[in-house]
């Protein structure tokens, strides 16, 4: 499902017009992004938790040349599915 299909599904499920559903989705994505940028997390009970995880620096290999390279430490977004989502999928 892509973003347009998700907007259509939200509009159909909620009874909103597509423009309002699109704005609601954009606002949700923006709020989650800002929360993660500030180092916080977003928990949606029954769905899951978005959080920021720290990936430490490490060494790797360039697959084309075999040369060893250094990969810098980074913060990466993470998602852990909640029980309700896990149960719905299984």
PDB file of N, CA and C in Angstrom:
ATOM      1  N   UNK A   1       0.855  -1.167   0.000  1.00  0.00           N
ATOM      2  CA  UNK A   1       0.000   0.000   0.000  1.00  0.00           C
ATOM      3  C   UNK A   1       0.906   1.237   0.000  1.00  0.00           C
ATOM      4  N   UNK A   2       0.650   2.152  -0.914  1.00  0.00           N
ATOM      5  CA  UNK A   2       1.419   3.401  -0.942  1.00  0.00           C
ATOM      6  C   UNK A   2       0.636   4.509  -0.231  1.00  0.00           C
ATOM      7  N   UNK A   3       1.203   5.703  -0.197  1.00  0.00           N
ATOM      8  CA  UNK A   3       0.591   6.800   0.557  1.00  0.00           C
ATOM      9  C   UNK A   3      -0.799   7.147   0.027  1.00  0.00           C
ATOM     10  N   UNK A   4      -0.970   7.219  -1.283  1.00  0.00           N
ATOM     11  CA  UNK A   4      -2.293   7.550  -1.840  1.00  0.00           C
ATOM     12  C   UNK A   4      -3.329   6.492  -1.490  1.00  0.00           C
ATOM     13  N   UNK A   5      -2.942   5.240  -1.537  1.00  0.00           N
ATOM     14  CA  UNK A   5      -3.868   4.169  -1.172  1.00  0.00           C
ATOM     15  C   UNK A   5      -4.219   4.244   0.310  1.00  0.00           C
ATOM     16  N   UNK A   6      -3.240   4.605   1.142  1.00  0.00           N
ATOM     17  CA  UNK A   6      -3.495   4.756   2.569  1.00  0.00           C
ATOM     18  C   UNK A   6      -4.455   5.917   2.828  1.00  0.00           C
ATOM     19  N   UNK A   7      -4.262   7.028   2.142  1.00  0.00           N
ATOM     20  CA  UNK A   7      -5.166   8.171   2.283  1.00  0.00           C
ATOM     21  C   UNK A   7      -6.583   7.781   1.879  1.00  0.00           C
ATOM     22  N   UNK A   8      -6.724   7.062   0.773  1.00  0.00           N
ATOM     23  CA  UNK A   8      -8.049   6.604   0.335  1.00  0.00           C
ATOM     24  C   UNK A   8      -8.696   5.697   1.383  1.00  0.00           C
ATOM     25  N   UNK A   9      -7.913   4.790   1.964  1.00  0.00           N
ATOM     26  CA  UNK A   9      -8.443   3.882   2.978  1.00  0.00           C
ATOM     27  C   UNK A   9      -8.853   4.640   4.239  1.00  0.00           C
ATOM     28  N   UNK A  10      -8.052   5.626   4.647  1.00  0.00           N
ATOM     29  CA  UNK A  10      -8.391   6.433   5.819  1.00  0.00           C
ATOM     30  C   UNK A  10      -9.676   7.211   5.560  1.00  0.00           C
ATOM     31  N   UNK A  11      -9.788   7.800   4.380  1.00  0.00           N
ATOM     32  CA  UNK A  11     -10.997   8.563   4.038  1.00  0.00           C
ATOM     33  C   UNK A  11     -12.234   7.671   4.059  1.00  0.00           C
ATOM     34  N   UNK A  12     -12.107   6.484   3.505  1.00  0.00           N
ATOM     35  CA  UNK A  12     -13.243   5.561   3.451  1.00  0.00           C
ATOM     36  C   UNK A  12     -13.629   5.078   4.853  1.00  0.00           C
ATOM     37  N   UNK A  13     -12.636   4.739   5.659  1.00  0.00           N
ATOM     38  CA  UNK A  13     -12.883   4.205   7.000  1.00  0.00           C
ATOM     39  C   UNK A  13     -13.452   5.263   7.951  1.00  0.00           C
ATOM     40  N   UNK A  14     -12.967   6.503   7.826  1.00  0.00           N
ATOM     41  CA  UNK A  14     -13.352   7.546   8.772  1.00  0.00           C
ATOM     42  C   UNK A  14     -14.500   8.431   8.301  1.00  0.00           C
ATOM     43  N   UNK A  15     -14.798   8.389   7.009  1.00  0.00           N
ATOM     44  CA  UNK A  15     -15.844   9.253   6.487  1.00  0.00           C
ATOM     45  C   UNK A  15     -15.351  10.656   6.146  1.00  0.00           C
ATOM     46  N   UNK A  16     -14.034  10.874   6.235  1.00  0.00           N
ATOM     47  CA  UNK A  16     -13.458  12.171   5.862  1.00  0.00           C
ATOM     48  C   UNK A  16     -13.330  12.262   4.343  1.00  0.00           C
ATOM     49  N   UNK A  17     -13.259  13.487   3.843  1.00  0.00           N
ATOM     50  CA  UNK A  17     -12.936  13.648   2.430  1.00  0.00           C
ATOM     51  C   UNK A  17     -11.442  13.376   2.277  1.00  0.00           C
ATOM     52  N   UNK A  18     -11.019  13.041   1.071  1.00  0.00           N
ATOM     53  CA  UNK A  18      -9.625  12.647   0.839  1.00  0.00           C
ATOM     54  C   UNK A  18      -8.637  13.744   1.225  1.00  0.00           C
ATOM     55  N   UNK A  19      -8.984  15.004   0.981  1.00  0.00           N
ATOM     56  CA  UNK A  19      -8.082  16.102   1.316  1.00  0.00           C
ATOM     57  C   UNK A  19      -7.845  16.163   2.825  1.00  0.00           C
ATOM     58  N   UNK A  20      -8.919  16.004   3.603  1.00  0.00           N
ATOM     59  CA  UNK A  20      -8.779  16.022   5.063  1.00  0.00           C
ATOM     60  C   UNK A  20      -7.998  14.802   5.552  1.00  0.00           C
ATOM     61  N   UNK A  21      -8.248  13.648   4.958  1.00  0.00           N
ATOM     62  CA  UNK A  21      -7.512  12.438   5.335  1.00  0.00           C
ATOM     63  C   UNK A  21      -6.027  12.598   5.020  1.00  0.00           C
ATOM     64  N   UNK A  22      -5.704  13.216   3.895  1.00  0.00           N
ATOM     65  CA  UNK A  22      -4.312  13.470   3.532  1.00  0.00           C
ATOM     66  C   UNK A  22      -3.633  14.408   4.510  1.00  0.00           C
ATOM     67  N   UNK A  23      -4.354  15.473   4.905  1.00  0.00           N
ATOM     68  CA  UNK A  23      -3.787  16.407   5.886  1.00  0.00           C
ATOM     69  C   UNK A  23      -3.603  15.725   7.237  1.00  0.00           C
ATOM     70  N   UNK A  24      -4.541  14.876   7.626  1.00  0.00           N
ATOM     71  CA  UNK A  24      -4.427  14.154   8.897  1.00  0.00           C
ATOM     72  C   UNK A  24      -3.225  13.207   8.873  1.00  0.00           C
ATOM     73  N   UNK A  25      -3.020  12.507   7.782  1.00  0.00           N
ATOM     74  CA  UNK A  25      -1.874  11.606   7.661  1.00  0.00           C
ATOM     75  C   UNK A  25      -0.569  12.389   7.679  1.00  0.00           C
ATOM     76  N   UNK A  26      -0.513  13.482   6.940  1.00  0.00           N
ATOM     77  CA  UNK A  26       0.700  14.313   6.925  1.00  0.00           C
ATOM     78  C   UNK A  26       1.002  14.864   8.318  1.00  0.00           C
ATOM     79  N   UNK A  27      -0.036  15.287   9.043  1.00  0.00           N
ATOM     80  CA  UNK A  27       0.156  15.812  10.392  1.00  0.00           C
ATOM     81  C   UNK A  27       0.658  14.717  11.326  1.00  0.00           C
ATOM     82  N   UNK A  28       0.127  13.520  11.198  1.00  0.00           N
ATOM     83  CA  UNK A  28       0.565  12.399  12.035  1.00  0.00           C
ATOM     84  C   UNK A  28       2.023  12.083  11.788  1.00  0.00           C
ATOM     85  N   UNK A  29       2.411  12.005  10.526  1.00  0.00           N
ATOM     86  CA  UNK A  29       3.799  11.721  10.175  1.00  0.00           C
ATOM     87  C   UNK A  29       4.712  12.825  10.706  1.00  0.00           C
ATOM     88  N   UNK A  30       4.282  14.065  10.577  1.00  0.00           N
ATOM     89  CA  UNK A  30       5.075  15.199  11.058  1.00  0.00           C
ATOM     90  C   UNK A  30       5.267  15.157  12.571  1.00  0.00           C
ATOM     91  N   UNK A  31       4.210  14.872  13.310  1.00  0.00           N
ATOM     92  CA  UNK A  31       4.280  14.828  14.775  1.00  0.00           C
ATOM     93  C   UNK A  31       5.188  13.686  15.231  1.00  0.00           C
ATOM     94  N   UNK A  32       5.066  12.510  14.615  1.00  0.00           N
ATOM     95  CA  UNK A  32       5.924  11.378  14.976  1.00  0.00           C
ATOM     96  C   UNK A  32       7.382  11.711  14.661  1.00  0.00           C
ATOM     97  N   UNK A  33       7.635  12.312  13.506  1.00  0.00           N
ATOM     98  CA  UNK A  33       8.997  12.682  13.113  1.00  0.00           C
ATOM     99  C   UNK A  33       9.593  13.670  14.102  1.00  0.00           C
ATOM    100  N   UNK A  34       8.854  14.693  14.485  1.00  0.00           N
ATOM    101  CA  UNK A  34       9.350  15.687  15.438  1.00  0.00           C
ATOM    102  C   UNK A  34       9.629  15.063  16.798  1.00  0.00           C
ATOM    103  N   UNK A  35       8.763  14.155  17.235  1.00  0.00           N
ATOM    104  CA  UNK A  35       8.987  13.490  18.519  1.00  0.00           C
ATOM    105  C   UNK A  35      10.275  12.672  18.489  1.00  0.00           C
ATOM    106  N   UNK A  36      10.521  11.971  17.389  1.00  0.00           N
ATOM    107  CA  UNK A  36      11.737  11.167  17.270  1.00  0.00           C
ATOM    108  C   UNK A  36      12.974  12.054  17.145  1.00  0.00           C
ATOM    109  N   UNK A  37      12.858  13.181  16.420  1.00  0.00           N
ATOM    110  CA  UNK A  37      13.987  14.102  16.283  1.00  0.00           C
ATOM    111  C   UNK A  37      14.415  14.653  17.630  1.00  0.00           C
ATOM    112  N   UNK A  38      13.468  14.851  18.534  1.00  0.00           N
ATOM    113  CA  UNK A  38      13.797  15.385  19.855  1.00  0.00           C
ATOM    114  C   UNK A  38      14.248  14.290  20.816  1.00  0.00           C
ATOM    115  N   UNK A  39      14.355  13.060  20.329  1.00  0.00           N
ATOM    116  CA  UNK A  39      14.849  11.957  21.151  1.00  0.00           C
ATOM    117  C   UNK A  39      13.771  11.211  21.907  1.00  0.00           C
ATOM    118  N   UNK A  40      12.516  11.543  21.680  1.00  0.00           N
ATOM    119  CA  UNK A  40      11.412  10.886  22.380  1.00  0.00           C
ATOM    120  C   UNK A  40      10.944   9.635  21.658  1.00  0.00           C
ATOM    121  N   UNK A  41       9.817   9.140  22.093  1.00  0.00           N
ATOM    122  CA  UNK A  41       9.200   7.990  21.437  1.00  0.00           C
ATOM    123  C   UNK A  41       7.697   8.239  21.362  1.00  0.00           C
ATOM    124  N   UNK A  42       7.041   7.477  20.502  1.00  0.00           N
ATOM    125  CA  UNK A  42       5.598   7.581  20.342  1.00  0.00           C
ATOM    126  C   UNK A  42       5.011   6.194  20.516  1.00  0.00           C
ATOM    127  N   UNK A  43       4.152   6.026  21.524  1.00  0.00           N
ATOM    128  CA  UNK A  43       3.531   4.732  21.801  1.00  0.00           C
ATOM    129  C   UNK A  43       2.056   4.790  21.447  1.00  0.00           C
ATOM    130  N   UNK A  44       1.634   3.877  20.626  1.00  0.00           N
ATOM    131  CA  UNK A  44       0.224   3.742  20.266  1.00  0.00           C
ATOM    132  C   UNK A  44      -0.227   2.378  20.787  1.00  0.00           C
ATOM    133  N   UNK A  45      -0.958   2.381  21.891  1.00  0.00           N
ATOM    134  CA  UNK A  45      -1.349   1.148  22.558  1.00  0.00           C
ATOM    135  C   UNK A  45      -2.084   0.235  21.570  1.00  0.00           C
ATOM    136  N   UNK A  46      -1.651  -0.997  21.492  1.00  0.00           N
ATOM    137  CA  UNK A  46      -2.256  -1.976  20.596  1.00  0.00           C
ATOM    138  C   UNK A  46      -1.665  -1.961  19.202  1.00  0.00           C
ATOM    139  N   UNK A  47      -0.931  -0.907  18.851  1.00  0.00           N
ATOM    140  CA  UNK A  47      -0.324  -0.828  17.519  1.00  0.00           C
ATOM    141  C   UNK A  47       1.178  -1.011  17.607  1.00  0.00           C
ATOM    142  N   UNK A  48       1.853  -0.154  18.387  1.00  0.00           N
ATOM    143  CA  UNK A  48       3.296  -0.292  18.528  1.00  0.00           C
ATOM    144  C   UNK A  48       3.937   0.977  19.025  1.00  0.00           C
ATOM    145  N   UNK A  49       5.270   0.938  19.079  1.00  0.00           N
ATOM    146  CA  UNK A  49       6.048   2.058  19.591  1.00  0.00           C
ATOM    147  C   UNK A  49       7.137   2.441  18.605  1.00  0.00           C
ATOM    148  N   UNK A  50       7.168   3.719  18.256  1.00  0.00           N
ATOM    149  CA  UNK A  50       8.240   4.278  17.435  1.00  0.00           C
ATOM    150  C   UNK A  50       9.271   4.850  18.396  1.00  0.00           C
ATOM    151  N   UNK A  51      10.557   4.561  18.180  1.00  0.00           N
ATOM    152  CA  UNK A  51      11.594   5.075  19.055  1.00  0.00           C
ATOM    153  C   UNK A  51      12.880   5.295  18.267  1.00  0.00           C
ATOM    154  N   UNK A  52      13.837   5.952  18.910  1.00  0.00           N
ATOM    155  CA  UNK A  52      15.146   6.192  18.308  1.00  0.00           C
ATOM    156  C   UNK A  52      16.145   5.252  18.965  1.00  0.00           C
ATOM    157  N   UNK A  53      16.920   4.571  18.140  1.00  0.00           N
ATOM    158  CA  UNK A  53      17.942   3.657  18.642  1.00  0.00           C
ATOM    159  C   UNK A  53      19.309   4.147  18.185  1.00  0.00           C
ATOM    160  N   UNK A  54      20.315   3.890  18.984  1.00  0.00           N
ATOM    161  CA  UNK A  54      21.684   4.292  18.672  1.00  0.00           C
ATOM    162  C   UNK A  54      22.417   3.117  18.038  1.00  0.00           C
ATOM    163  N   UNK A  55      22.953   3.344  16.851  1.00  0.00           N
ATOM    164  CA  UNK A  55      23.780   2.336  16.195  1.00  0.00           C
ATOM    165  C   UNK A  55      25.233   2.782  16.352  1.00  0.00           C
ATOM    166  N   UNK A  56      26.049   1.969  16.977  1.00  0.00           N
ATOM    167  CA  UNK A  56      27.445   2.306  17.241  1.00  0.00           C
ATOM    168  C   UNK A  56      28.272   2.261  15.963  1.00  0.00           C
ATOM    169  N   UNK A  57      29.405   2.944  16.002  1.00  0.00           N
ATOM    170  CA  UNK A  57      30.332   2.932  14.864  1.00  0.00           C
ATOM    171  C   UNK A  57      30.879   1.516  14.688  1.00  0.00           C
ATOM    172  N   UNK A  58      31.161   1.159  13.452  1.00  0.00           N
ATOM    173  CA  UNK A  58      31.669  -0.183  13.176  1.00  0.00           C
ATOM    174  C   UNK A  58      32.477  -0.160  11.894  1.00  0.00           C
ATOM    175  N   UNK A  59      33.142  -1.245  11.611  1.00  0.00           N
ATOM    176  CA  UNK A  59      33.874  -1.351  10.350  1.00  0.00           C
ATOM    177  C   UNK A  59      33.097  -2.262   9.426  1.00  0.00           C
ATOM    178  N   UNK A  60      33.224  -2.013   8.144  1.00  0.00           N
ATOM    179  CA  UNK A  60      32.552  -2.819   7.139  1.00  0.00           C
ATOM    180  C   UNK A  60      33.477  -3.009   5.952  1.00  0.00           C
ATOM    181  N   UNK A  61      32.957  -3.624   4.912  1.00  0.00           N
ATOM    182  CA  UNK A  61      33.741  -3.847   3.702  1.00  0.00           C
ATOM    183  C   UNK A  61      32.991  -3.318   2.494  1.00  0.00           C
ATOM    184  N   UNK A  62      33.740  -2.665   1.617  1.00  0.00           N
ATOM    185  CA  UNK A  62      33.186  -2.248   0.344  1.00  0.00           C
ATOM    186  C   UNK A  62      33.043  -3.509  -0.502  1.00  0.00           C
ATOM    187  N   UNK A  63      31.827  -3.878  -0.908  1.00  0.00           N
ATOM    188  CA  UNK A  63      31.649  -5.138  -1.630  1.00  0.00           C
ATOM    189  C   UNK A  63      32.306  -5.146  -3.015  1.00  0.00           C
ATOM    190  N   UNK A  64      32.535  -3.980  -3.593  1.00  0.00           N
ATOM    191  CA  UNK A  64      33.151  -3.943  -4.923  1.00  0.00           C
ATOM    192  C   UNK A  64      34.658  -4.124  -4.866  1.00  0.00           C
ATOM    193  N   UNK A  65      35.287  -3.529  -3.854  1.00  0.00           N
ATOM    194  CA  UNK A  65      36.746  -3.565  -3.796  1.00  0.00           C
ATOM    195  C   UNK A  65      37.286  -4.452  -2.680  1.00  0.00           C
ATOM    196  N   UNK A  66      36.444  -4.782  -1.703  1.00  0.00           N
ATOM    197  CA  UNK A  66      36.898  -5.558  -0.565  1.00  0.00           C
ATOM    198  C   UNK A  66      37.632  -4.710   0.462  1.00  0.00           C
ATOM    199  N   UNK A  67      37.729  -3.411   0.221  1.00  0.00           N
ATOM    200  CA  UNK A  67      38.433  -2.493   1.110  1.00  0.00           C
ATOM    201  C   UNK A  67      37.646  -2.312   2.410  1.00  0.00           C
ATOM    202  N   UNK A  68      38.353  -2.251   3.536  1.00  0.00           N
ATOM    203  CA  UNK A  68      37.727  -2.006   4.834  1.00  0.00           C
ATOM    204  C   UNK A  68      37.370  -0.530   4.936  1.00  0.00           C
ATOM    205  N   UNK A  69      36.143  -0.267   5.398  1.00  0.00           N
ATOM    206  CA  UNK A  69      35.684   1.112   5.563  1.00  0.00           C
ATOM    207  C   UNK A  69      35.141   1.287   6.975  1.00  0.00           C
ATOM    208  N   UNK A  70      35.167   2.515   7.457  1.00  0.00           N
ATOM    209  CA  UNK A  70      34.588   2.842   8.757  1.00  0.00           C
ATOM    210  C   UNK A  70      33.184   3.370   8.548  1.00  0.00           C
ATOM    211  N   UNK A  71      32.242   2.820   9.301  1.00  0.00           N
ATOM    212  CA  UNK A  71      30.850   3.258   9.242  1.00  0.00           C
ATOM    213  C   UNK A  71      30.585   4.037  10.523  1.00  0.00           C
ATOM    214  N   UNK A  72      30.167   5.274  10.383  1.00  0.00           N
ATOM    215  CA  UNK A  72      29.979   6.171  11.524  1.00  0.00           C
ATOM    216  C   UNK A  72      28.788   5.739  12.383  1.00  0.00           C
ATOM    217  N   UNK A  73      28.837   6.127  13.647  1.00  0.00           N
ATOM    218  CA  UNK A  73      27.706   5.910  14.549  1.00  0.00           C
ATOM    219  C   UNK A  73      26.527   6.745  14.062  1.00  0.00           C
ATOM    220  N   UNK A  74      25.316   6.280  14.334  1.00  0.00           N
ATOM    221  CA  UNK A  74      24.129   6.991  13.864  1.00  0.00           C
ATOM    222  C   UNK A  74      22.934   6.672  14.751  1.00  0.00           C
ATOM    223  N   UNK A  75      21.996   7.597  14.787  1.00  0.00           N
ATOM    224  CA  UNK A  75      20.692   7.341  15.387  1.00  0.00           C
ATOM    225  C   UNK A  75      19.774   6.845  14.285  1.00  0.00           C
ATOM    226  N   UNK A  76      19.035   5.779  14.557  1.00  0.00           N
ATOM    227  CA  UNK A  76      18.132   5.222  13.555  1.00  0.00           C
ATOM    228  C   UNK A  76      16.738   5.059  14.154  1.00  0.00           C
ATOM    229  N   UNK A  77      15.694   5.291  13.359  1.00  0.00           N
ATOM    230  CA  UNK A  77      14.344   5.087  13.876  1.00  0.00           C
ATOM    231  C   UNK A  77      14.053   3.591  13.991  1.00  0.00           C
ATOM    232  N   UNK A  78      13.279   3.252  15.010  1.00  0.00           N
ATOM    233  CA  UNK A  78      12.894   1.863  15.206  1.00  0.00           C
ATOM    234  C   UNK A  78      11.408   1.768  15.466  1.00  0.00           C
ATOM    235  N   UNK A  79      10.865   0.585  15.230  1.00  0.00           N
ATOM    236  CA  UNK A  79       9.451   0.335  15.496  1.00  0.00           C
ATOM    237  C   UNK A  79       9.318  -1.039  16.113  1.00  0.00           C
ATOM    238  N   UNK A  80       8.591  -1.116  17.204  1.00  0.00           N
ATOM    239  CA  UNK A  80       8.306  -2.392  17.838  1.00  0.00           C
ATOM    240  C   UNK A  80       6.795  -2.581  17.824  1.00  0.00           C
ATOM    241  N   UNK A  81       6.341  -3.629  17.171  1.00  0.00           N
ATOM    242  CA  UNK A  81       4.902  -3.895  17.048  1.00  0.00           C
ATOM    243  C   UNK A  81       4.304  -4.231  18.403  1.00  0.00           C
ATOM    244  N   UNK A  82       3.096  -3.729  18.622  1.00  0.00           N
ATOM    245  CA  UNK A  82       2.365  -4.031  19.852  1.00  0.00           C
ATOM    246  C   UNK A  82       1.605  -5.333  19.735  1.00  0.00           C
ATOM    247  N   UNK A  83       1.074  -5.786  20.860  1.00  0.00           N
ATOM    248  CA  UNK A  83       0.370  -7.062  20.908  1.00  0.00           C
ATOM    249  C   UNK A  83      -0.832  -7.103  19.970  1.00  0.00           C
ATOM    250  N   UNK A  84      -1.592  -6.007  19.918  1.00  0.00           N
ATOM    251  CA  UNK A  84      -2.772  -5.983  19.054  1.00  0.00           C
ATOM    252  C   UNK A  84      -2.412  -6.157  17.588  1.00  0.00           C
ATOM    253  N   UNK A  85      -1.337  -5.512  17.144  1.00  0.00           N
ATOM    254  CA  UNK A  85      -0.893  -5.636  15.757  1.00  0.00           C
ATOM    255  C   UNK A  85      -0.366  -7.044  15.485  1.00  0.00           C
ATOM    256  N   UNK A  86       0.421  -7.574  16.429  1.00  0.00           N
ATOM    257  CA  UNK A  86       0.949  -8.934  16.261  1.00  0.00           C
ATOM    258  C   UNK A  86      -0.177  -9.956  16.164  1.00  0.00           C
ATOM    259  N   UNK A  87      -1.177  -9.803  17.038  1.00  0.00           N
ATOM    260  CA  UNK A  87      -2.307 -10.723  17.014  1.00  0.00           C
ATOM    261  C   UNK A  87      -3.109 -10.624  15.731  1.00  0.00           C
ATOM    262  N   UNK A  88      -3.261  -9.411  15.208  1.00  0.00           N
ATOM    263  CA  UNK A  88      -4.027  -9.200  13.968  1.00  0.00           C
ATOM    264  C   UNK A  88      -3.330  -9.832  12.776  1.00  0.00           C
ATOM    265  N   UNK A  89      -2.000  -9.825  12.781  1.00  0.00           N
ATOM    266  CA  UNK A  89      -1.229 -10.367  11.655  1.00  0.00           C
ATOM    267  C   UNK A  89      -1.221 -11.899  11.684  1.00  0.00           C
ATOM    268  N   UNK A  90      -1.218 -12.466  12.876  1.00  0.00           N
ATOM    269  CA  UNK A  90      -1.147 -13.942  13.000  1.00  0.00           C
ATOM    270  C   UNK A  90      -2.487 -14.593  12.986  1.00  0.00           C
TER     271      UNK A  90
END
